[in-house]
Amino acid sequence: MIALDDIRRILDAHAKLRVPAASVEPNDDLYASGMTSHASVNVMLALEDAFDVEFPDDLLTKTTFCTISAIGAALDTLVTVDA
């Protein structure tokens, strides 16, 4: 299982949120917290580098990156598949 704190560190570095990622609840909308679609691409690339995965086309949706929980769930499936 992917640690949400690892995702939060990447969000702090790449998502350009209006608040620290530590203050964002796992199911809060990241786009409502200031993440743009451009920033979400940077987040995706940073996640791929950090976890040594590649998001398949079917996961390249706004829903995949809308919350910390959604990102964690997607990463859990990718890490499980790649393991």
N, C-alpha and C. Protein backbone atom coordinates (compact mmCIF):
# COMPACT_ATOMS: atom_id res chain seq x y z
N MET A 1 0.84 -1.18 0.00
CA MET A 1 0.00 0.00 0.00
C MET A 1 0.89 1.25 0.00
N ILE A 2 0.55 2.18 -0.84
CA ILE A 2 1.30 3.43 -0.98
C ILE A 2 0.98 4.34 0.21
N ALA A 3 2.00 4.92 0.81
CA ALA A 3 1.80 5.84 1.93
C ALA A 3 1.30 7.19 1.40
N LEU A 4 0.24 7.67 2.01
CA LEU A 4 -0.33 8.95 1.58
C LEU A 4 0.65 10.09 1.79
N ASP A 5 1.54 9.97 2.78
CA ASP A 5 2.53 11.02 3.00
C ASP A 5 3.49 11.13 1.81
N ASP A 6 3.79 10.01 1.17
CA ASP A 6 4.64 10.05 -0.03
C ASP A 6 3.93 10.82 -1.15
N ILE A 7 2.65 10.60 -1.29
CA ILE A 7 1.87 11.33 -2.30
C ILE A 7 1.83 12.81 -1.95
N ARG A 8 1.64 13.12 -0.68
CA ARG A 8 1.58 14.52 -0.24
C ARG A 8 2.89 15.25 -0.54
N ARG A 9 4.03 14.59 -0.36
CA ARG A 9 5.31 15.22 -0.67
C ARG A 9 5.39 15.58 -2.16
N ILE A 10 4.92 14.70 -3.00
CA ILE A 10 4.92 14.98 -4.44
C ILE A 10 3.96 16.10 -4.76
N LEU A 11 2.80 16.10 -4.12
CA LEU A 11 1.84 17.18 -4.34
C LEU A 11 2.43 18.53 -3.92
N ASP A 12 3.12 18.57 -2.78
CA ASP A 12 3.74 19.83 -2.34
C ASP A 12 4.74 20.34 -3.38
N ALA A 13 5.45 19.43 -4.00
CA ALA A 13 6.48 19.82 -4.96
C ALA A 13 5.94 20.17 -6.34
N HIS A 14 4.80 19.59 -6.73
CA HIS A 14 4.38 19.71 -8.13
C HIS A 14 2.94 20.18 -8.38
N ALA A 15 2.06 20.09 -7.39
CA ALA A 15 0.63 20.36 -7.65
C ALA A 15 0.25 21.83 -7.59
N LYS A 16 1.11 22.67 -6.99
CA LYS A 16 0.83 24.10 -6.86
C LYS A 16 -0.49 24.35 -6.13
N LEU A 17 -0.71 23.59 -5.06
CA LEU A 17 -1.91 23.78 -4.25
C LEU A 17 -1.82 25.09 -3.48
N ARG A 18 -2.99 25.65 -3.13
CA ARG A 18 -3.02 26.88 -2.36
C ARG A 18 -2.70 26.65 -0.89
N VAL A 19 -2.70 25.40 -0.46
CA VAL A 19 -2.44 25.04 0.93
C VAL A 19 -1.44 23.89 0.94
N PRO A 20 -0.76 23.67 2.07
CA PRO A 20 0.14 22.51 2.15
C PRO A 20 -0.65 21.22 1.99
N ALA A 21 -0.08 20.26 1.31
CA ALA A 21 -0.77 18.99 1.08
C ALA A 21 -1.09 18.28 2.40
N ALA A 22 -0.33 18.54 3.45
CA ALA A 22 -0.60 17.92 4.74
C ALA A 22 -1.95 18.34 5.30
N SER A 23 -2.45 19.49 4.86
CA SER A 23 -3.75 19.98 5.36
C SER A 23 -4.92 19.51 4.49
N VAL A 24 -4.62 18.78 3.42
CA VAL A 24 -5.66 18.29 2.52
C VAL A 24 -6.06 16.88 2.97
N GLU A 25 -7.35 16.69 3.21
CA GLU A 25 -7.86 15.38 3.60
C GLU A 25 -7.78 14.42 2.40
N PRO A 26 -7.69 13.12 2.66
CA PRO A 26 -7.54 12.15 1.57
C PRO A 26 -8.62 12.23 0.49
N ASN A 27 -9.84 12.64 0.84
CA ASN A 27 -10.91 12.69 -0.15
C ASN A 27 -11.27 14.10 -0.59
N ASP A 28 -10.46 15.10 -0.21
CA ASP A 28 -10.68 16.47 -0.67
C ASP A 28 -10.31 16.59 -2.15
N ASP A 29 -11.05 17.41 -2.87
CA ASP A 29 -10.80 17.63 -4.30
C ASP A 29 -9.53 18.47 -4.47
N LEU A 30 -8.52 17.90 -5.09
CA LEU A 30 -7.26 18.61 -5.31
C LEU A 30 -7.42 19.76 -6.29
N TYR A 31 -8.33 19.63 -7.23
CA TYR A 31 -8.56 20.71 -8.18
C TYR A 31 -9.20 21.89 -7.48
N ALA A 32 -10.08 21.64 -6.52
CA ALA A 32 -10.68 22.71 -5.72
C ALA A 32 -9.64 23.37 -4.82
N SER A 33 -8.56 22.65 -4.52
CA SER A 33 -7.48 23.18 -3.69
C SER A 33 -6.44 23.92 -4.52
N GLY A 34 -6.66 24.04 -5.82
CA GLY A 34 -5.79 24.86 -6.66
C GLY A 34 -4.99 24.14 -7.72
N MET A 35 -5.05 22.81 -7.76
CA MET A 35 -4.28 22.09 -8.79
C MET A 35 -4.92 22.31 -10.16
N THR A 36 -4.11 22.65 -11.14
CA THR A 36 -4.58 22.83 -12.51
C THR A 36 -4.34 21.55 -13.29
N SER A 37 -4.90 21.48 -14.48
CA SER A 37 -4.67 20.30 -15.31
C SER A 37 -3.20 20.20 -15.69
N HIS A 38 -2.54 21.32 -15.91
CA HIS A 38 -1.11 21.31 -16.22
C HIS A 38 -0.32 20.77 -15.03
N ALA A 39 -0.66 21.22 -13.83
CA ALA A 39 0.02 20.73 -12.63
C ALA A 39 -0.23 19.24 -12.43
N SER A 40 -1.43 18.76 -12.80
CA SER A 40 -1.72 17.34 -12.62
C SER A 40 -0.83 16.48 -13.51
N VAL A 41 -0.45 16.99 -14.67
CA VAL A 41 0.48 16.26 -15.53
C VAL A 41 1.85 16.18 -14.85
N ASN A 42 2.29 17.29 -14.25
CA ASN A 42 3.55 17.28 -13.53
C ASN A 42 3.51 16.32 -12.34
N VAL A 43 2.37 16.27 -11.65
CA VAL A 43 2.19 15.34 -10.55
C VAL A 43 2.29 13.90 -11.06
N MET A 44 1.61 13.62 -12.17
CA MET A 44 1.63 12.28 -12.74
C MET A 44 3.07 11.86 -13.08
N LEU A 45 3.81 12.73 -13.72
CA LEU A 45 5.19 12.41 -14.09
C LEU A 45 6.06 12.19 -12.85
N ALA A 46 5.86 13.00 -11.83
CA ALA A 46 6.62 12.83 -10.59
C ALA A 46 6.26 11.52 -9.89
N LEU A 47 4.98 11.17 -9.91
CA LEU A 47 4.54 9.89 -9.32
C LEU A 47 5.16 8.72 -10.08
N GLU A 48 5.17 8.80 -11.40
CA GLU A 48 5.77 7.72 -12.20
C GLU A 48 7.25 7.56 -11.85
N ASP A 49 7.96 8.68 -11.71
CA ASP A 49 9.38 8.60 -11.35
C ASP A 49 9.57 8.06 -9.95
N ALA A 50 8.78 8.54 -9.00
CA ALA A 50 8.95 8.16 -7.60
C ALA A 50 8.63 6.70 -7.34
N PHE A 51 7.63 6.18 -8.03
CA PHE A 51 7.18 4.81 -7.76
C PHE A 51 7.55 3.83 -8.87
N ASP A 52 8.28 4.31 -9.87
CA ASP A 52 8.73 3.46 -10.97
C ASP A 52 7.57 2.72 -11.63
N VAL A 53 6.56 3.49 -11.98
CA VAL A 53 5.37 2.95 -12.67
C VAL A 53 5.07 3.83 -13.87
N GLU A 54 4.15 3.36 -14.70
CA GLU A 54 3.65 4.16 -15.81
C GLU A 54 2.13 4.06 -15.79
N PHE A 55 1.48 5.23 -15.77
CA PHE A 55 0.02 5.23 -15.79
C PHE A 55 -0.47 4.85 -17.18
N PRO A 56 -1.29 3.81 -17.28
CA PRO A 56 -1.85 3.44 -18.59
C PRO A 56 -2.91 4.47 -19.01
N ASP A 57 -3.23 4.47 -20.28
CA ASP A 57 -4.17 5.43 -20.83
C ASP A 57 -5.50 5.45 -20.08
N ASP A 58 -5.99 4.29 -19.64
CA ASP A 58 -7.29 4.26 -18.98
C ASP A 58 -7.28 4.93 -17.61
N LEU A 59 -6.10 5.18 -17.05
CA LEU A 59 -6.02 5.90 -15.77
C LEU A 59 -5.67 7.38 -15.94
N LEU A 60 -5.48 7.81 -17.16
CA LEU A 60 -5.15 9.22 -17.41
C LEU A 60 -6.43 10.05 -17.49
N THR A 61 -7.10 10.13 -16.36
CA THR A 61 -8.35 10.88 -16.26
C THR A 61 -8.28 11.83 -15.07
N LYS A 62 -9.13 12.82 -15.11
CA LYS A 62 -9.20 13.77 -14.00
C LYS A 62 -9.57 13.05 -12.70
N THR A 63 -10.41 12.04 -12.79
CA THR A 63 -10.85 11.28 -11.62
C THR A 63 -9.67 10.60 -10.91
N THR A 64 -8.72 10.11 -11.66
CA THR A 64 -7.56 9.43 -11.08
C THR A 64 -6.76 10.36 -10.19
N PHE A 65 -6.71 11.64 -10.54
CA PHE A 65 -5.85 12.59 -9.84
C PHE A 65 -6.63 13.62 -9.02
N CYS A 66 -7.93 13.37 -8.80
CA CYS A 66 -8.76 14.38 -8.12
C CYS A 66 -8.61 14.38 -6.61
N THR A 67 -8.18 13.27 -6.02
CA THR A 67 -7.99 13.21 -4.57
C THR A 67 -6.74 12.41 -4.25
N ILE A 68 -6.25 12.60 -3.04
CA ILE A 68 -5.09 11.83 -2.59
C ILE A 68 -5.46 10.35 -2.54
N SER A 69 -6.66 10.05 -2.08
CA SER A 69 -7.11 8.65 -2.03
C SER A 69 -7.16 8.01 -3.41
N ALA A 70 -7.66 8.76 -4.39
CA ALA A 70 -7.75 8.23 -5.75
C ALA A 70 -6.36 7.97 -6.33
N ILE A 71 -5.44 8.87 -6.07
CA ILE A 71 -4.07 8.67 -6.53
C ILE A 71 -3.48 7.43 -5.87
N GLY A 72 -3.69 7.30 -4.57
CA GLY A 72 -3.17 6.13 -3.85
C GLY A 72 -3.75 4.83 -4.37
N ALA A 73 -5.05 4.83 -4.65
CA ALA A 73 -5.69 3.61 -5.17
C ALA A 73 -5.12 3.25 -6.54
N ALA A 74 -4.94 4.25 -7.39
CA ALA A 74 -4.37 3.98 -8.72
C ALA A 74 -2.95 3.44 -8.60
N LEU A 75 -2.16 4.07 -7.74
CA LEU A 75 -0.78 3.59 -7.55
C LEU A 75 -0.76 2.18 -6.98
N ASP A 76 -1.66 1.89 -6.05
CA ASP A 76 -1.71 0.54 -5.49
C ASP A 76 -1.95 -0.51 -6.57
N THR A 77 -2.82 -0.21 -7.54
CA THR A 77 -3.07 -1.18 -8.61
C THR A 77 -1.84 -1.31 -9.51
N LEU A 78 -1.15 -0.21 -9.76
CA LEU A 78 0.01 -0.25 -10.64
C LEU A 78 1.19 -0.96 -9.98
N VAL A 79 1.41 -0.69 -8.72
CA VAL A 79 2.51 -1.33 -8.02
C VAL A 79 2.25 -2.81 -7.88
N THR A 80 0.99 -3.20 -7.64
CA THR A 80 0.62 -4.61 -7.53
C THR A 80 0.83 -5.33 -8.86
N VAL A 81 0.43 -4.67 -9.95
CA VAL A 81 0.56 -5.27 -11.27
C VAL A 81 2.03 -5.41 -11.64
N ASP A 82 2.84 -4.41 -11.32
CA ASP A 82 4.25 -4.42 -11.70
C ASP A 82 5.11 -5.27 -10.77
N ALA A 83 4.59 -5.63 -9.60
CA ALA A 83 5.41 -6.35 -8.61
C ALA A 83 5.66 -7.79 -9.03
